[in-house]
């Protein structure tokens, strides 16, 4: 299985970038990983948030490989445990999904038009994280789910 990650903008905090790289390397022991960083535009303060979200959503959509099982991350999405995420990975693999695309937006989140196209909208927590921190948490949780599936000890 191949996992594709589409992010809006670079990770600016070095310590988060190091953590993302760390868990990405670990995750690659279990699946193929592609990361696409879509260049973030600078917007005038006069542009309404909804308009920004829609334009960013279209940019992100353009970078998703086809065919792909689309997973968006949003605070209103489905909440799962680490074991539940491992079960989802197992289901996707058994369904023959060739590629899982995880899409994270920027500071404003994702447009409803994009989350509505998703096969699954996932929430990492009831807590609020920066979009950069959410990247790190996503990679760590996918690595943890992969170790659960493989019967390795990391998850304990």
Protein backbone atom coordinates (compact mmCIF):
# COMPACT_ATOMS: atom_id res chain seq x y z
CA UNK A 1 0.00 0.00 0.00
CA UNK A 2 1.13 3.53 -0.74
CA UNK A 3 0.32 6.51 1.46
CA UNK A 4 0.32 9.99 0.01
CA UNK A 5 0.31 13.13 2.13
CA UNK A 6 -0.77 16.46 0.70
CA UNK A 7 0.04 19.44 2.90
CA UNK A 8 -0.59 23.14 2.39
CA UNK A 9 2.66 25.03 2.99
CA UNK A 10 6.00 24.00 4.40
CA UNK A 11 6.52 22.96 8.00
CA UNK A 12 8.13 26.08 9.45
CA UNK A 13 9.00 24.89 12.97
CA UNK A 14 12.29 22.94 12.79
CA UNK A 15 11.48 20.69 15.76
CA UNK A 16 8.20 19.63 14.13
CA UNK A 17 9.96 19.04 10.81
CA UNK A 18 12.48 16.79 12.57
CA UNK A 19 9.68 14.82 14.23
CA UNK A 20 7.80 14.46 10.94
CA UNK A 21 10.97 13.22 9.22
CA UNK A 22 11.61 10.78 12.08
CA UNK A 23 8.17 9.15 11.94
CA UNK A 24 8.06 9.28 8.15
CA UNK A 25 11.30 7.23 8.03
CA UNK A 26 9.81 4.75 10.50
CA UNK A 27 6.53 4.53 8.58
CA UNK A 28 8.44 3.73 5.38
CA UNK A 29 9.37 0.37 6.92
CA UNK A 30 5.71 -0.60 6.50
CA UNK A 31 4.36 1.32 3.48
CA UNK A 32 5.51 3.47 0.60
CA UNK A 33 5.23 7.18 1.45
CA UNK A 34 4.91 10.22 -0.83
CA UNK A 35 4.73 13.75 0.55
CA UNK A 36 3.50 16.66 -1.53
CA UNK A 37 3.75 20.18 -0.17
CA UNK A 38 1.50 22.61 -2.00
CA UNK A 39 2.82 26.16 -2.01
CA UNK A 40 0.84 28.36 0.35
CA UNK A 41 -0.34 31.68 -1.07
CA UNK A 42 -0.31 34.93 0.83
CA UNK A 43 -3.78 36.41 1.07
CA UNK A 44 -4.91 39.96 1.72
CA UNK A 45 -6.76 40.49 5.00
CA UNK A 46 -9.69 41.67 2.89
CA UNK A 47 -10.24 38.26 1.27
CA UNK A 48 -13.02 36.35 3.09
CA UNK A 49 -11.96 33.11 4.84
CA UNK A 50 -14.50 31.06 2.86
CA UNK A 51 -13.01 32.25 -0.42
CA UNK A 52 -9.48 31.39 0.78
CA UNK A 53 -10.61 27.92 1.88
CA UNK A 54 -12.21 27.23 -1.50
CA UNK A 55 -9.13 28.33 -3.45
CA UNK A 56 -6.83 26.31 -1.17
CA UNK A 57 -9.16 23.31 -1.49
CA UNK A 58 -8.93 23.46 -5.29
CA UNK A 59 -5.12 23.66 -5.08
CA UNK A 60 -4.99 20.62 -2.83
CA UNK A 61 -7.41 18.65 -5.02
CA UNK A 62 -5.15 19.21 -8.02
CA UNK A 63 -2.31 17.38 -6.22
CA UNK A 64 -4.19 14.22 -5.25
CA UNK A 65 -3.26 11.14 -7.28
CA UNK A 66 -6.02 9.17 -8.94
CA UNK A 67 -7.23 6.57 -8.14
CA UNK A 68 -6.91 7.12 -4.43
CA UNK A 69 -8.85 6.60 -1.22
CA UNK A 70 -9.18 10.17 0.07
CA UNK A 71 -8.85 10.89 3.79
CA UNK A 72 -9.20 14.49 4.93
CA UNK A 73 -8.35 15.66 8.42
CA UNK A 74 -10.80 17.94 10.15
CA UNK A 75 -11.80 18.55 13.76
CA UNK A 76 -15.36 17.52 12.87
CA UNK A 77 -14.22 14.20 11.42
CA UNK A 78 -14.51 10.66 12.75
CA UNK A 79 -12.52 9.96 15.90
CA UNK A 80 -10.75 6.61 16.15
CA UNK A 81 -8.34 5.04 18.63
CA UNK A 82 -4.87 3.91 17.59
CA UNK A 83 -6.18 0.34 17.41
CA UNK A 84 -9.13 1.61 15.36
CA UNK A 85 -6.75 3.29 12.92
CA UNK A 86 -4.80 0.02 12.64
CA UNK A 87 -8.08 -1.72 11.81
CA UNK A 88 -8.84 0.88 9.12
CA UNK A 89 -5.40 0.33 7.55
CA UNK A 90 -6.05 -3.41 7.55
CA UNK A 91 -9.48 -2.89 5.92
CA UNK A 92 -8.08 -0.59 3.23
CA UNK A 93 -5.34 -3.07 2.41
CA UNK A 94 -7.82 -5.96 2.25
CA UNK A 95 -10.10 -3.90 -0.01
CA UNK A 96 -7.16 -3.54 -2.38
CA UNK A 97 -6.83 0.22 -2.01
CA UNK A 98 -3.62 0.99 -3.93
CA UNK A 99 -3.18 4.47 -2.48
CA UNK A 100 -4.45 6.32 0.57
CA UNK A 101 -4.24 10.11 0.26
CA UNK A 102 -4.21 12.10 3.49
CA UNK A 103 -4.99 15.80 3.02
CA UNK A 104 -4.36 18.46 5.66
CA UNK A 105 -5.20 22.10 5.13
CA UNK A 106 -3.54 25.21 6.45
CA UNK A 107 -4.35 27.39 9.44
CA UNK A 108 -7.96 27.84 8.31
CA UNK A 109 -8.57 24.12 7.83
CA UNK A 110 -10.21 22.61 4.75
CA UNK A 111 -13.10 23.75 2.58
CA UNK A 112 -16.34 21.82 3.00
CA UNK A 113 -16.23 21.16 -0.76
CA UNK A 114 -13.03 19.15 -0.21
CA UNK A 115 -14.10 17.29 2.95
CA UNK A 116 -17.38 16.36 1.21
CA UNK A 117 -15.36 14.58 -1.52
CA UNK A 118 -13.45 12.51 1.02
CA UNK A 119 -13.99 8.80 1.48
CA UNK A 120 -13.28 9.43 5.17
CA UNK A 121 -12.98 12.61 7.19
CA UNK A 122 -10.80 11.88 10.22
CA UNK A 123 -10.25 13.83 13.44
CA UNK A 124 -7.06 13.39 15.44
CA UNK A 125 -8.56 14.61 18.71
CA UNK A 126 -11.11 16.84 20.37
CA UNK A 127 -8.14 19.07 21.16
CA UNK A 128 -7.08 21.77 18.71
CA UNK A 129 -3.60 21.48 17.15
CA UNK A 130 -1.73 23.70 14.74
CA UNK A 131 -1.79 22.31 11.20
CA UNK A 132 1.95 21.68 11.48
CA UNK A 133 1.58 19.76 14.74
CA UNK A 134 -1.28 17.75 13.21
CA UNK A 135 1.17 16.53 10.55
CA UNK A 136 3.51 15.15 13.19
CA UNK A 137 0.66 13.53 15.13
CA UNK A 138 -0.71 11.96 11.94
CA UNK A 139 2.66 10.42 11.03
CA UNK A 140 3.20 9.14 14.57
CA UNK A 141 -0.28 7.61 14.71
CA UNK A 142 0.07 5.96 11.31
CA UNK A 143 3.41 4.52 12.41
CA UNK A 144 1.82 3.33 15.67
CA UNK A 145 -1.09 1.75 13.75
CA UNK A 146 1.40 0.02 11.44
CA UNK A 147 3.27 -1.47 14.41
CA UNK A 148 -0.03 -2.67 15.89
CA UNK A 149 -0.87 -4.38 12.59
CA UNK A 150 2.59 -5.98 12.46
CA UNK A 151 2.47 -7.14 16.09
CA UNK A 152 5.51 -5.06 17.09
CA UNK A 153 6.02 -3.60 20.55
CA UNK A 154 6.14 0.17 19.85
CA UNK A 155 2.46 0.72 20.60
CA UNK A 156 2.63 -0.56 24.18
